Amino acid sequence: MSQSQDRFVLPGDVIVTGTYRPEQNVVLDDDRVTATAVGFYEIEDDAVKVIPLTGFYTPKPDDLVIGKITSHTSFSWEVNINSFCVSILPAFDIFGKDYSPSKDELSSKLKTGDLIVGRIVNVNPGRDPLMTINGENLGKIDSGELVKISPTKIPRLIGKDGSMIQTIEAATNATITVGQNGLVVLKCDDSTSLKKAIEAVKITDSMLDDTNVEEKIQNILGEIN
């Protein structure tokens, strides 16, 4: 799974110099890539983009999210959920009510860098939101390709009554897990179909409005056959 660097930038800030490919909310001036929006830049391979600050995820109870374990204490893990705050996964969520810090080692279950899919349990002002990985299809993610899109584009990706995501899955035989926080994990045995599924997901993020989104995705998926 590809990793990315996140850094806060303002319009006019030079993000990087050299041979890079500008994507979203950046411009290329000679060999300088400059931000055109307030947000966090990402560099993946040779591509540079800025995720607008307004595009970050705001946790809500019962949201399905994909997150990365960043650290742990004796009683809980901290999880990066692509938000302004981390989410807290309590130790007893995995070890049960009999959890004992003296005998149970958290890193034996989840380590820093592990990806998980879970649900937000509650959100209280002034406190980091709690999450759980107890439930069907929740838990550690052992394989797959991770794609990050704007959380605001998730409804477009899912489609009405799940129609868009079902279309992509049916055409590619991929299994797609969509987090409300803008993280998506795709699994597929066929590399060509996986590539097309990823391309279809990214199209929903890159287009400015819903006009012709479905048509463009159908064109991408039609190339598989």
Protein backbone atom coordinates (compact mmCIF):
# COMPACT_ATOMS: atom_id res chain seq x y z
CA MET A 1 0.00 0.00 0.00
CA SER A 2 1.39 3.35 -0.99
CA GLN A 3 2.17 5.87 1.67
CA SER A 4 2.01 9.66 1.29
CA GLN A 5 3.45 12.72 3.02
CA ASP A 6 1.00 15.26 4.45
CA ARG A 7 2.03 18.88 5.05
CA PHE A 8 0.04 22.07 5.66
CA VAL A 9 0.42 24.75 2.96
CA LEU A 10 -1.04 28.13 2.01
CA PRO A 11 -1.65 29.50 -1.50
CA GLY A 12 1.66 30.59 -2.99
CA ASP A 13 3.76 28.20 -0.91
CA VAL A 14 6.35 26.32 -2.97
CA ILE A 15 5.80 22.65 -2.17
CA VAL A 16 8.70 21.08 -4.04
CA THR A 17 11.13 21.77 -6.88
CA GLY A 18 12.22 19.34 -9.53
CA THR A 19 10.58 17.00 -12.01
CA TYR A 20 7.09 16.50 -10.61
CA ARG A 21 3.62 16.17 -12.09
CA PRO A 22 1.05 18.72 -10.79
CA GLU A 23 -2.41 17.36 -10.02
CA GLN A 24 -5.02 19.08 -7.83
CA ASN A 25 -4.81 22.62 -6.40
CA VAL A 26 -1.21 23.19 -7.50
CA VAL A 27 0.52 24.91 -10.43
CA LEU A 28 3.86 24.25 -12.09
CA ASP A 29 6.11 27.26 -12.64
CA ASP A 30 9.40 26.24 -14.27
CA ASP A 31 10.48 23.47 -11.89
CA ARG A 32 8.53 24.74 -8.86
CA VAL A 33 5.21 23.23 -7.76
CA THR A 34 3.17 25.87 -5.90
CA ALA A 35 0.00 25.48 -3.83
CA THR A 36 -3.18 27.30 -4.95
CA ALA A 37 -5.33 26.32 -1.94
CA VAL A 38 -5.16 26.09 1.84
CA GLY A 39 -4.70 22.47 2.82
CA PHE A 40 -2.29 19.57 3.06
CA TYR A 41 -0.06 18.53 0.20
CA GLU A 42 0.60 14.97 -0.82
CA ILE A 43 3.46 13.59 -2.91
CA GLU A 44 2.97 10.11 -4.30
CA ASP A 45 5.60 8.91 -6.76
CA ASP A 46 6.08 12.02 -8.96
CA ALA A 47 2.57 13.47 -8.50
CA VAL A 48 1.83 16.45 -6.26
CA LYS A 49 -1.58 17.61 -5.07
CA VAL A 50 -3.16 19.64 -2.28
CA ILE A 51 -6.17 18.33 -0.37
CA PRO A 52 -8.23 21.41 0.60
CA LEU A 53 -8.67 22.01 4.31
CA THR A 54 -12.44 21.87 3.90
CA GLY A 55 -12.09 18.36 2.49
CA PHE A 56 -11.07 16.76 5.77
CA TYR A 57 -13.37 14.28 7.46
CA THR A 58 -15.63 15.27 10.37
CA PRO A 59 -16.40 12.16 12.50
CA LYS A 60 -20.03 11.20 13.08
CA PRO A 61 -21.45 8.31 15.15
CA ASP A 62 -21.85 5.02 13.24
CA ASP A 63 -19.65 6.14 10.33
CA LEU A 64 -17.63 3.36 8.72
CA VAL A 65 -14.01 4.52 8.56
CA ILE A 66 -10.64 3.20 7.49
CA GLY A 67 -7.72 4.25 9.66
CA LYS A 68 -4.05 3.70 10.41
CA ILE A 69 -2.68 2.83 13.84
CA THR A 70 -0.24 5.59 14.81
CA SER A 71 0.57 4.76 18.45
CA HIS A 72 -0.79 3.20 21.61
CA THR A 73 -0.83 3.64 25.37
CA SER A 74 -1.47 0.96 27.96
CA PHE A 75 -5.21 1.26 27.45
CA SER A 76 -5.88 2.21 23.82
CA TRP A 77 -4.62 2.70 20.27
CA GLU A 78 -4.58 6.05 18.47
CA VAL A 79 -5.90 5.86 14.91
CA ASN A 80 -5.35 8.35 12.06
CA ILE A 81 -8.76 8.72 10.39
CA ASN A 82 -7.95 11.56 7.97
CA SER A 83 -9.45 14.12 10.32
CA PHE A 84 -8.39 17.04 12.49
CA CYS A 85 -8.34 14.61 15.41
CA VAL A 86 -7.32 11.03 15.97
CA SER A 87 -9.78 8.33 16.93
CA ILE A 88 -9.34 6.18 20.03
CA LEU A 89 -9.70 2.39 19.89
CA PRO A 90 -9.94 1.07 23.49
CA ALA A 91 -7.95 -2.03 24.41
CA PHE A 92 -11.04 -3.76 25.80
CA ASP A 93 -12.61 -3.54 22.34
CA ILE A 94 -10.25 -6.38 21.34
CA PHE A 95 -9.17 -8.01 24.61
CA GLY A 96 -12.59 -7.84 26.28
CA LYS A 97 -13.68 -6.55 29.69
CA ASP A 98 -11.01 -8.62 31.46
CA TYR A 99 -8.18 -6.69 29.77
CA SER A 100 -5.13 -6.25 32.00
CA PRO A 101 -2.28 -3.88 31.06
CA SER A 102 0.13 -6.03 33.07
CA LYS A 103 -0.50 -9.22 31.05
CA ASP A 104 -1.96 -8.12 27.70
CA GLU A 105 0.33 -6.45 25.16
CA LEU A 106 -1.50 -4.20 22.68
CA SER A 107 1.15 -4.58 19.98
CA SER A 108 0.42 -8.31 19.85
CA LYS A 109 -2.90 -7.44 18.21
CA LEU A 110 -2.30 -4.19 16.31
CA LYS A 111 0.99 -2.49 15.50
CA THR A 112 1.89 1.02 14.35
CA GLY A 113 1.18 1.26 10.64
CA ASP A 114 -1.57 -1.37 10.59
CA LEU A 115 -4.72 -0.43 8.68
CA ILE A 116 -8.12 -1.16 10.18
CA VAL A 117 -11.75 -0.72 9.24
CA GLY A 118 -14.06 0.25 12.08
CA ARG A 119 -17.05 2.32 13.13
CA ILE A 120 -17.18 5.55 15.07
CA VAL A 121 -18.97 4.84 18.36
CA ASN A 122 -19.46 8.31 19.75
CA VAL A 123 -18.29 11.88 19.34
CA ASN A 124 -18.09 14.21 22.32
CA PRO A 125 -16.95 17.87 22.22
CA GLY A 126 -13.41 18.30 23.48
CA ARG A 127 -12.59 14.60 23.28
CA ASP A 128 -11.24 12.38 20.52
CA PRO A 129 -13.97 10.16 19.03
CA LEU A 130 -14.12 6.52 20.08
CA MET A 131 -14.22 3.74 17.53
CA THR A 132 -14.77 -0.02 17.51
CA ILE A 133 -13.66 -2.88 15.28
CA ASN A 134 -16.19 -5.29 16.73
CA GLY A 135 -18.73 -6.17 14.07
CA GLU A 136 -19.18 -7.87 10.73
CA ASN A 137 -16.44 -7.06 8.18
CA LEU A 138 -14.57 -4.90 10.70
CA GLY A 139 -11.02 -5.34 11.93
CA LYS A 140 -7.47 -5.39 10.60
CA ILE A 141 -6.95 -5.00 6.84
CA ASP A 142 -4.32 -7.53 5.75
CA SER A 143 -4.25 -6.87 2.00
CA GLY A 144 -5.50 -4.57 -0.72
CA GLU A 145 -4.73 -1.26 -2.40
CA LEU A 146 -5.39 1.94 -0.48
CA VAL A 147 -6.80 4.95 -2.37
CA LYS A 148 -7.45 8.33 -0.76
CA ILE A 149 -10.13 10.68 -2.09
CA SER A 150 -11.91 13.70 -0.65
CA PRO A 151 -14.48 12.70 1.97
CA THR A 152 -16.91 15.07 0.27
CA LYS A 153 -16.79 12.85 -2.85
CA ILE A 154 -17.71 9.63 -1.02
CA PRO A 155 -21.49 9.95 -1.71
CA ARG A 156 -20.66 10.33 -5.43
CA LEU A 157 -18.52 7.17 -5.32
CA ILE A 158 -21.19 5.15 -3.54
CA GLY A 159 -24.01 6.39 -5.78
CA LYS A 160 -27.74 6.27 -5.17
CA ASP A 161 -28.53 3.18 -3.08
CA GLY A 162 -24.96 2.00 -3.67
CA SER A 163 -25.41 1.86 -7.45
CA MET A 164 -22.03 3.30 -8.45
CA ILE A 165 -19.88 1.15 -6.19
CA GLN A 166 -21.89 -1.93 -7.19
CA THR A 167 -21.30 -1.15 -10.85
CA ILE A 168 -17.54 -0.92 -10.33
CA GLU A 169 -17.44 -4.14 -8.29
CA ALA A 170 -19.55 -6.07 -10.80
CA ALA A 171 -17.44 -4.97 -13.78
CA THR A 172 -14.07 -5.70 -12.15
CA ASN A 173 -14.82 -8.50 -9.65
CA ALA A 174 -13.16 -6.26 -7.08
CA THR A 175 -14.12 -6.03 -3.44
CA ILE A 176 -14.25 -2.38 -2.39
CA THR A 177 -14.42 -1.11 1.19
CA VAL A 178 -15.38 2.56 1.35
CA GLY A 179 -14.67 4.63 4.44
CA GLN A 180 -16.75 7.74 5.06
CA ASN A 181 -13.44 9.44 5.85
CA GLY A 182 -12.26 9.29 2.24
CA LEU A 183 -10.11 6.15 2.41
CA VAL A 184 -10.97 3.26 0.10
CA VAL A 185 -9.45 -0.25 0.01
CA LEU A 186 -9.73 -2.34 -3.15
CA LYS A 187 -8.98 -6.05 -3.54
CA CYS A 188 -8.95 -7.97 -6.81
CA ASP A 189 -7.08 -11.03 -8.07
CA ASP A 190 -6.72 -9.64 -11.59
CA SER A 191 -4.20 -6.78 -11.85
CA THR A 192 -5.80 -5.25 -14.95
CA SER A 193 -9.25 -5.19 -13.40
CA LEU A 194 -7.81 -3.80 -10.16
CA LYS A 195 -6.15 -0.97 -12.08
CA LYS A 196 -9.45 -0.10 -13.76
CA ALA A 197 -11.32 -0.18 -10.45
CA ILE A 198 -8.78 2.20 -8.92
CA GLU A 199 -9.03 4.48 -11.95
CA ALA A 200 -12.83 4.52 -11.64
CA VAL A 201 -12.62 5.44 -7.95
CA LYS A 202 -10.18 8.26 -8.66
CA ILE A 203 -12.43 9.65 -11.42
CA THR A 204 -15.14 10.33 -8.84
CA ASP A 205 -12.63 12.44 -6.91
CA SER A 206 -11.05 14.36 -9.77
CA MET A 207 -14.19 15.67 -11.50
CA LEU A 208 -15.50 19.01 -10.29
CA ASP A 209 -19.20 18.11 -10.63
CA ASP A 210 -21.42 15.10 -11.28
CA THR A 211 -21.83 15.82 -15.00
CA ASN A 212 -20.79 12.79 -17.08
CA VAL A 213 -19.19 11.02 -14.10
CA GLU A 214 -21.17 7.84 -14.73
CA GLU A 215 -20.38 7.96 -18.45
CA LYS A 216 -16.64 8.33 -17.81
CA ILE A 217 -16.66 5.43 -15.35
CA GLN A 218 -18.59 3.23 -17.80
CA ASN A 219 -15.98 4.05 -20.47
CA ILE A 220 -13.17 3.03 -18.12
CA LEU A 221 -14.89 -0.19 -17.11
CA GLY A 222 -15.81 -1.00 -20.72
CA GLU A 223 -12.13 -1.19 -21.61
CA ILE A 224 -11.80 -4.33 -19.47
CA ASN A 225 -13.89 -6.46 -21.82
